[in-house]
PDB file of all heavy atoms in Angstrom:
ATOM      1  N   ASP A   1      12.228   1.387   3.288  1.00  0.00           N
ATOM      2  CA  ASP A   1      13.077   1.168   2.242  1.00  0.00           C
ATOM      3  C   ASP A   1      12.688  -0.238   1.548  1.00  0.00           C
ATOM      4  O   ASP A   1      12.794  -0.480   0.290  1.00  0.00           O
ATOM      5  CB  ASP A   1      14.493   1.064   2.681  1.00  0.00           C
ATOM      6  CG  ASP A   1      15.038   2.481   2.867  1.00  0.00           C
ATOM      7  OD1 ASP A   1      14.303   3.444   2.482  1.00  0.00           O
ATOM      8  OD2 ASP A   1      16.042   2.670   3.472  1.00  0.00           O
ATOM      9  N   SER A   2      12.280  -1.279   2.375  1.00  0.00           N
ATOM     10  CA  SER A   2      11.977  -2.620   1.927  1.00  0.00           C
ATOM     11  C   SER A   2      10.727  -2.651   0.979  1.00  0.00           C
ATOM     12  O   SER A   2      10.586  -3.653   0.363  1.00  0.00           O
ATOM     13  CB  SER A   2      11.866  -3.509   3.152  1.00  0.00           C
ATOM     14  OG  SER A   2      10.860  -3.116   3.956  1.00  0.00           O
ATOM     15  N   VAL A   3       9.948  -1.616   1.036  1.00  0.00           N
ATOM     16  CA  VAL A   3       8.648  -1.796   0.247  1.00  0.00           C
ATOM     17  C   VAL A   3       8.537  -0.659  -0.852  1.00  0.00           C
ATOM     18  O   VAL A   3       7.651  -0.649  -1.605  1.00  0.00           O
ATOM     19  CB  VAL A   3       7.377  -1.717   1.056  1.00  0.00           C
ATOM     20  CG1 VAL A   3       7.517  -2.872   2.238  1.00  0.00           C
ATOM     21  CG2 VAL A   3       7.245  -0.385   1.800  1.00  0.00           C
ATOM     22  N   LYS A   4       9.548   0.284  -0.785  1.00  0.00           N
ATOM     23  CA  LYS A   4       9.472   1.363  -1.753  1.00  0.00           C
ATOM     24  C   LYS A   4       9.522   0.870  -3.128  1.00  0.00           C
ATOM     25  O   LYS A   4      10.259  -0.089  -3.533  1.00  0.00           O
ATOM     26  CB  LYS A   4      10.672   2.303  -1.555  1.00  0.00           C
ATOM     27  CG  LYS A   4      10.531   3.328  -0.461  1.00  0.00           C
ATOM     28  CD  LYS A   4      11.812   4.141  -0.408  1.00  0.00           C
ATOM     29  CE  LYS A   4      11.623   5.160   0.786  1.00  0.00           C
ATOM     30  NZ  LYS A   4      12.856   6.028   0.929  1.00  0.00           N
ATOM     31  N   GLY A   5       8.606   1.376  -3.940  1.00  0.00           N
ATOM     32  CA  GLY A   5       8.448   1.098  -5.338  1.00  0.00           C
ATOM     33  C   GLY A   5       7.467  -0.206  -5.484  1.00  0.00           C
ATOM     34  O   GLY A   5       7.074  -0.433  -6.669  1.00  0.00           O
ATOM     35  N   ARG A   6       7.059  -0.793  -4.451  1.00  0.00           N
ATOM     36  CA  ARG A   6       6.300  -1.930  -4.553  1.00  0.00           C
ATOM     37  C   ARG A   6       4.879  -1.699  -4.008  1.00  0.00           C
ATOM     38  O   ARG A   6       3.914  -2.283  -4.367  1.00  0.00           O
ATOM     39  CB  ARG A   6       6.870  -3.212  -3.941  1.00  0.00           C
ATOM     40  CG  ARG A   6       8.191  -3.628  -4.626  1.00  0.00           C
ATOM     41  CD  ARG A   6       8.704  -4.932  -4.088  1.00  0.00           C
ATOM     42  NE  ARG A   6       9.035  -4.855  -2.588  1.00  0.00           N
ATOM     43  CZ  ARG A   6       8.347  -5.683  -1.614  1.00  0.00           C
ATOM     44  NH1 ARG A   6       7.493  -6.591  -2.069  1.00  0.00           N
ATOM     45  NH2 ARG A   6       8.728  -5.633  -0.428  1.00  0.00           N
ATOM     46  N   PHE A   7       4.841  -0.930  -2.784  1.00  0.00           N
ATOM     47  CA  PHE A   7       3.637  -0.642  -2.004  1.00  0.00           C
ATOM     48  C   PHE A   7       3.258   0.698  -2.260  1.00  0.00           C
ATOM     49  O   PHE A   7       4.146   1.600  -2.489  1.00  0.00           O
ATOM     50  CB  PHE A   7       3.984  -0.981  -0.546  1.00  0.00           C
ATOM     51  CG  PHE A   7       4.008  -2.490  -0.220  1.00  0.00           C
ATOM     52  CD1 PHE A   7       4.271  -3.341  -1.092  1.00  0.00           C
ATOM     53  CD2 PHE A   7       4.120  -2.853   1.171  1.00  0.00           C
ATOM     54  CE1 PHE A   7       4.379  -4.766  -0.685  1.00  0.00           C
ATOM     55  CE2 PHE A   7       4.272  -4.098   1.513  1.00  0.00           C
ATOM     56  CZ  PHE A   7       4.448  -5.126   0.575  1.00  0.00           C
ATOM     57  N   THR A   8       1.977   0.990  -2.256  1.00  0.00           N
ATOM     58  CA  THR A   8       1.380   2.198  -2.209  1.00  0.00           C
ATOM     59  C   THR A   8       0.322   2.377  -1.074  1.00  0.00           C
ATOM     60  O   THR A   8      -0.660   1.674  -1.210  1.00  0.00           O
ATOM     61  CB  THR A   8       0.757   2.627  -3.514  1.00  0.00           C
ATOM     62  OG1 THR A   8       1.848   2.314  -4.576  1.00  0.00           O
ATOM     63  CG2 THR A   8       0.276   3.956  -3.835  1.00  0.00           C
ATOM     64  N   ILE A   9       0.485   3.415  -0.233  1.00  0.00           N
ATOM     65  CA  ILE A   9      -0.511   3.764   0.700  1.00  0.00           C
ATOM     66  C   ILE A   9      -1.405   4.949   0.167  1.00  0.00           C
ATOM     67  O   ILE A   9      -0.914   5.783  -0.418  1.00  0.00           O
ATOM     68  CB  ILE A   9       0.172   4.053   2.018  1.00  0.00           C
ATOM     69  CG1 ILE A   9      -0.854   4.233   3.152  1.00  0.00           C
ATOM     70  CG2 ILE A   9       0.937   5.399   1.979  1.00  0.00           C
ATOM     71  CD1 ILE A   9      -0.182   4.354   4.524  1.00  0.00           C
ATOM     72  N   SER A  10      -2.618   4.850   0.491  1.00  0.00           N
ATOM     73  CA  SER A  10      -3.574   5.832   0.103  1.00  0.00           C
ATOM     74  C   SER A  10      -4.695   5.873   1.129  1.00  0.00           C
ATOM     75  O   SER A  10      -4.928   4.914   1.831  1.00  0.00           O
ATOM     76  CB  SER A  10      -4.088   5.700  -1.232  1.00  0.00           C
ATOM     77  OG  SER A  10      -4.750   4.453  -1.329  1.00  0.00           O
ATOM     78  N   ARG A  11      -5.594   6.842   1.159  1.00  0.00           N
ATOM     79  CA  ARG A  11      -6.699   7.015   1.971  1.00  0.00           C
ATOM     80  C   ARG A  11      -7.640   7.729   1.175  1.00  0.00           C
ATOM     81  O   ARG A  11      -7.526   8.537   0.324  1.00  0.00           O
ATOM     82  CB  ARG A  11      -6.366   7.794   3.320  1.00  0.00           C
ATOM     83  CG  ARG A  11      -5.835   9.293   3.142  1.00  0.00           C
ATOM     84  CD  ARG A  11      -5.216   9.826   4.408  1.00  0.00           C
ATOM     85  NE  ARG A  11      -6.409   9.941   5.429  1.00  0.00           N
ATOM     86  CZ  ARG A  11      -6.081  10.169   6.634  1.00  0.00           C
ATOM     87  NH1 ARG A  11      -4.853  10.246   7.204  1.00  0.00           N
ATOM     88  NH2 ARG A  11      -7.206  10.357   7.477  1.00  0.00           N
ATOM     89  N   ASP A  12      -8.956   7.387   1.569  1.00  0.00           N
ATOM     90  CA  ASP A  12     -10.194   8.007   0.917  1.00  0.00           C
ATOM     91  C   ASP A  12     -10.944   8.507   2.038  1.00  0.00           C
ATOM     92  O   ASP A  12     -11.786   7.763   2.665  1.00  0.00           O
ATOM     93  CB  ASP A  12     -10.964   6.998   0.067  1.00  0.00           C
ATOM     94  CG  ASP A  12     -12.108   7.674  -0.544  1.00  0.00           C
ATOM     95  OD1 ASP A  12     -12.402   8.711  -0.281  1.00  0.00           O
ATOM     96  OD2 ASP A  12     -12.530   7.212  -1.710  1.00  0.00           O
ATOM     97  N   ASN A  13     -10.858   9.810   2.372  1.00  0.00           N
ATOM     98  CA  ASN A  13     -11.354  10.495   3.513  1.00  0.00           C
ATOM     99  C   ASN A  13     -12.931  10.410   3.307  1.00  0.00           C
ATOM    100  O   ASN A  13     -13.681  10.640   4.319  1.00  0.00           O
ATOM    101  CB  ASN A  13     -10.889  11.700   3.760  1.00  0.00           C
ATOM    102  CG  ASN A  13      -9.503  11.650   4.305  1.00  0.00           C
ATOM    103  OD1 ASN A  13      -9.086  10.737   4.648  1.00  0.00           O
ATOM    104  ND2 ASN A  13      -8.850  12.905   4.312  1.00  0.00           N
ATOM    105  N   ALA A  14     -13.541  10.379   2.145  1.00  0.00           N
ATOM    106  CA  ALA A  14     -14.925  10.425   1.931  1.00  0.00           C
ATOM    107  C   ALA A  14     -15.647   9.060   2.269  1.00  0.00           C
ATOM    108  O   ALA A  14     -16.728   9.237   2.674  1.00  0.00           O
ATOM    109  CB  ALA A  14     -15.173  10.655   0.396  1.00  0.00           C
ATOM    110  N   VAL A  15     -14.942   7.998   2.287  1.00  0.00           N
ATOM    111  CA  VAL A  15     -15.502   6.743   2.737  1.00  0.00           C
ATOM    112  C   VAL A  15     -14.811   6.188   3.897  1.00  0.00           C
ATOM    113  O   VAL A  15     -15.054   5.022   4.341  1.00  0.00           O
ATOM    114  CB  VAL A  15     -15.405   5.699   1.428  1.00  0.00           C
ATOM    115  CG1 VAL A  15     -16.232   6.253   0.409  1.00  0.00           C
ATOM    116  CG2 VAL A  15     -14.088   5.423   1.094  1.00  0.00           C
ATOM    117  N   ASN A  16     -13.990   6.906   4.591  1.00  0.00           N
ATOM    118  CA  ASN A  16     -13.420   6.410   5.829  1.00  0.00           C
ATOM    119  C   ASN A  16     -12.499   5.269   5.666  1.00  0.00           C
ATOM    120  O   ASN A  16     -12.684   4.208   6.565  1.00  0.00           O
ATOM    121  CB  ASN A  16     -14.296   6.365   6.988  1.00  0.00           C
ATOM    122  CG  ASN A  16     -15.196   7.537   7.129  1.00  0.00           C
ATOM    123  OD1 ASN A  16     -14.638   8.672   6.930  1.00  0.00           O
ATOM    124  ND2 ASN A  16     -16.482   7.408   7.644  1.00  0.00           N
ATOM    125  N   LYS A  17     -11.615   5.185   4.734  1.00  0.00           N
ATOM    126  CA  LYS A  17     -10.878   4.022   4.559  1.00  0.00           C
ATOM    127  C   LYS A  17      -9.310   4.383   4.235  1.00  0.00           C
ATOM    128  O   LYS A  17      -9.048   5.306   3.641  1.00  0.00           O
ATOM    129  CB  LYS A  17     -11.456   3.206   3.399  1.00  0.00           C
ATOM    130  CG  LYS A  17     -12.699   2.298   3.818  1.00  0.00           C
ATOM    131  CD  LYS A  17     -13.011   1.249   2.767  1.00  0.00           C
ATOM    132  CE  LYS A  17     -14.084   0.415   3.426  1.00  0.00           C
ATOM    133  NZ  LYS A  17     -14.580  -0.726   2.323  1.00  0.00           N
ATOM    134  N   LEU A  18      -8.520   3.548   4.622  1.00  0.00           N
ATOM    135  CA  LEU A  18      -7.145   3.592   4.371  1.00  0.00           C
ATOM    136  C   LEU A  18      -6.772   2.328   3.532  1.00  0.00           C
ATOM    137  O   LEU A  18      -7.339   1.255   3.766  1.00  0.00           O
ATOM    138  CB  LEU A  18      -6.238   3.428   5.685  1.00  0.00           C
ATOM    139  CG  LEU A  18      -4.777   3.300   5.555  1.00  0.00           C
ATOM    140  CD1 LEU A  18      -4.228   4.720   5.108  1.00  0.00           C
ATOM    141  CD2 LEU A  18      -4.184   2.992   6.930  1.00  0.00           C
ATOM    142  N   TYR A  19      -5.919   2.391   2.537  1.00  0.00           N
ATOM    143  CA  TYR A  19      -5.507   1.349   1.607  1.00  0.00           C
ATOM    144  C   TYR A  19      -3.988   0.920   1.697  1.00  0.00           C
ATOM    145  O   TYR A  19      -3.187   1.966   1.928  1.00  0.00           O
ATOM    146  CB  TYR A  19      -6.014   1.590   0.305  1.00  0.00           C
ATOM    147  CG  TYR A  19      -7.403   1.838   0.184  1.00  0.00           C
ATOM    148  CD1 TYR A  19      -8.001   3.113   0.011  1.00  0.00           C
ATOM    149  CD2 TYR A  19      -8.355   0.711   0.288  1.00  0.00           C
ATOM    150  CE1 TYR A  19      -9.260   3.382  -0.058  1.00  0.00           C
ATOM    151  CE2 TYR A  19      -9.778   1.014   0.142  1.00  0.00           C
ATOM    152  CZ  TYR A  19     -10.112   2.183   0.105  1.00  0.00           C
ATOM    153  OH  TYR A  19     -11.497   2.572  -0.304  1.00  0.00           O
ATOM    154  N   LEU A  20      -3.639  -0.201   1.360  1.00  0.00           N
ATOM    155  CA  LEU A  20      -2.232  -0.540   1.016  1.00  0.00           C
ATOM    156  C   LEU A  20      -2.233  -1.416  -0.260  1.00  0.00           C
ATOM    157  O   LEU A  20      -2.623  -2.633  -0.023  1.00  0.00           O
ATOM    158  CB  LEU A  20      -1.542  -1.191   2.215  1.00  0.00           C
ATOM    159  CG  LEU A  20      -0.012  -1.499   2.035  1.00  0.00           C
ATOM    160  CD1 LEU A  20       0.733  -0.039   1.992  1.00  0.00           C
ATOM    161  CD2 LEU A  20       0.459  -2.308   3.134  1.00  0.00           C
ATOM    162  N   GLN A  21      -1.850  -0.982  -1.265  1.00  0.00           N
ATOM    163  CA  GLN A  21      -1.562  -1.699  -2.451  1.00  0.00           C
ATOM    164  C   GLN A  21      -0.354  -2.379  -2.419  1.00  0.00           C
ATOM    165  O   GLN A  21       0.761  -1.564  -2.396  1.00  0.00           O
ATOM    166  CB  GLN A  21      -1.867  -0.875  -3.780  1.00  0.00           C
ATOM    167  CG  GLN A  21      -1.704  -1.621  -5.064  1.00  0.00           C
ATOM    168  CD  GLN A  21      -2.662  -2.682  -5.173  1.00  0.00           C
ATOM    169  OE1 GLN A  21      -3.842  -2.541  -4.977  1.00  0.00           O
ATOM    170  NE2 GLN A  21      -2.336  -3.878  -5.638  1.00  0.00           N
ATOM    171  N   MET A  22      -0.228  -3.620  -2.568  1.00  0.00           N
ATOM    172  CA  MET A  22       1.058  -4.325  -2.511  1.00  0.00           C
ATOM    173  C   MET A  22       1.279  -5.137  -3.749  1.00  0.00           C
ATOM    174  O   MET A  22       0.537  -6.013  -4.042  1.00  0.00           O
ATOM    175  CB  MET A  22       1.054  -5.260  -1.151  1.00  0.00           C
ATOM    176  CG  MET A  22       0.825  -4.586   0.066  1.00  0.00           C
ATOM    177  SD  MET A  22       0.946  -5.722   1.604  1.00  0.00           S
ATOM    178  CE  MET A  22      -0.302  -6.957   1.238  1.00  0.00           C
ATOM    179  N   ASN A  23       2.325  -4.714  -4.429  1.00  0.00           N
ATOM    180  CA  ASN A  23       2.589  -5.449  -5.636  1.00  0.00           C
ATOM    181  C   ASN A  23       4.021  -5.996  -5.578  1.00  0.00           C
ATOM    182  O   ASN A  23       4.750  -5.912  -4.680  1.00  0.00           O
ATOM    183  CB  ASN A  23       2.711  -4.405  -6.862  1.00  0.00           C
ATOM    184  CG  ASN A  23       1.339  -3.809  -7.047  1.00  0.00           C
ATOM    185  OD1 ASN A  23       0.213  -4.379  -6.778  1.00  0.00           O
ATOM    186  ND2 ASN A  23       1.363  -2.485  -7.495  1.00  0.00           N
ATOM    187  N   SER A  24       4.271  -7.010  -6.469  1.00  0.00           N
ATOM    188  CA  SER A  24       5.619  -7.725  -6.501  1.00  0.00           C
ATOM    189  C   SER A  24       5.906  -8.319  -5.214  1.00  0.00           C
ATOM    190  O   SER A  24       6.960  -8.058  -4.632  1.00  0.00           O
ATOM    191  CB  SER A  24       6.708  -6.711  -6.929  1.00  0.00           C
ATOM    192  OG  SER A  24       6.414  -6.232  -8.276  1.00  0.00           O
ATOM    193  N   LEU A  25       4.906  -8.901  -4.430  1.00  0.00           N
ATOM    194  CA  LEU A  25       5.252  -9.509  -3.153  1.00  0.00           C
ATOM    195  C   LEU A  25       6.249 -10.487  -3.092  1.00  0.00           C
ATOM    196  O   LEU A  25       6.447 -11.240  -3.879  1.00  0.00           O
ATOM    197  CB  LEU A  25       3.907 -10.049  -2.580  1.00  0.00           C
ATOM    198  CG  LEU A  25       2.880  -8.993  -2.191  1.00  0.00           C
ATOM    199  CD1 LEU A  25       1.439  -9.514  -2.103  1.00  0.00           C
ATOM    200  CD2 LEU A  25       3.135  -8.450  -0.852  1.00  0.00           C
ATOM    201  N   LYS A  26       6.982 -10.384  -1.970  1.00  0.00           N
ATOM    202  CA  LYS A  26       8.128 -11.381  -1.689  1.00  0.00           C
ATOM    203  C   LYS A  26       7.755 -12.235  -0.427  1.00  0.00           C
ATOM    204  O   LYS A  26       6.995 -11.774   0.409  1.00  0.00           O
ATOM    205  CB  LYS A  26       9.294 -10.552  -1.351  1.00  0.00           C
ATOM    206  CG  LYS A  26       9.672  -9.514  -2.629  1.00  0.00           C
ATOM    207  CD  LYS A  26      10.895  -8.770  -2.151  1.00  0.00           C
ATOM    208  CE  LYS A  26      11.328  -7.863  -3.222  1.00  0.00           C
ATOM    209  NZ  LYS A  26      12.576  -7.034  -2.852  1.00  0.00           N
ATOM    210  N   PHE A  27       8.393 -13.317  -0.273  1.00  0.00           N
ATOM    211  CA  PHE A  27       8.240 -14.145   0.750  1.00  0.00           C
ATOM    212  C   PHE A  27       8.409 -13.408   2.032  1.00  0.00           C
ATOM    213  O   PHE A  27       7.733 -13.614   3.051  1.00  0.00           O
ATOM    214  CB  PHE A  27       9.268 -15.414   0.762  1.00  0.00           C
ATOM    215  CG  PHE A  27       9.105 -16.227   1.897  1.00  0.00           C
ATOM    216  CD1 PHE A  27       8.178 -17.170   2.141  1.00  0.00           C
ATOM    217  CD2 PHE A  27      10.170 -16.151   2.856  1.00  0.00           C
ATOM    218  CE1 PHE A  27       8.079 -17.910   3.228  1.00  0.00           C
ATOM    219  CE2 PHE A  27      10.105 -17.054   4.056  1.00  0.00           C
ATOM    220  CZ  PHE A  27       9.036 -17.775   4.125  1.00  0.00           C
ATOM    221  N   GLU A  28       9.279 -12.497   2.140  1.00  0.00           N
ATOM    222  CA  GLU A  28       9.677 -11.718   3.377  1.00  0.00           C
ATOM    223  C   GLU A  28       8.698 -10.649   3.708  1.00  0.00           C
ATOM    224  O   GLU A  28       8.823 -10.047   4.689  1.00  0.00           O
ATOM    225  CB  GLU A  28      11.045 -11.100   3.236  1.00  0.00           C
ATOM    226  CG  GLU A  28      11.349 -10.358   2.032  1.00  0.00           C
ATOM    227  CD  GLU A  28      11.986 -11.076   0.967  1.00  0.00           C
ATOM    228  OE1 GLU A  28      11.686 -12.362   0.810  1.00  0.00           O
ATOM    229  OE2 GLU A  28      12.925 -10.605   0.262  1.00  0.00           O
TER     230      GLU A  28
END
């Protein structure tokens, strides 16, 4: 709940990578 709407998880199976896009970052 603390990251909903701000973070996006995705993966690209073709290049063997996982991602985490983090926007509107907070101190916490």
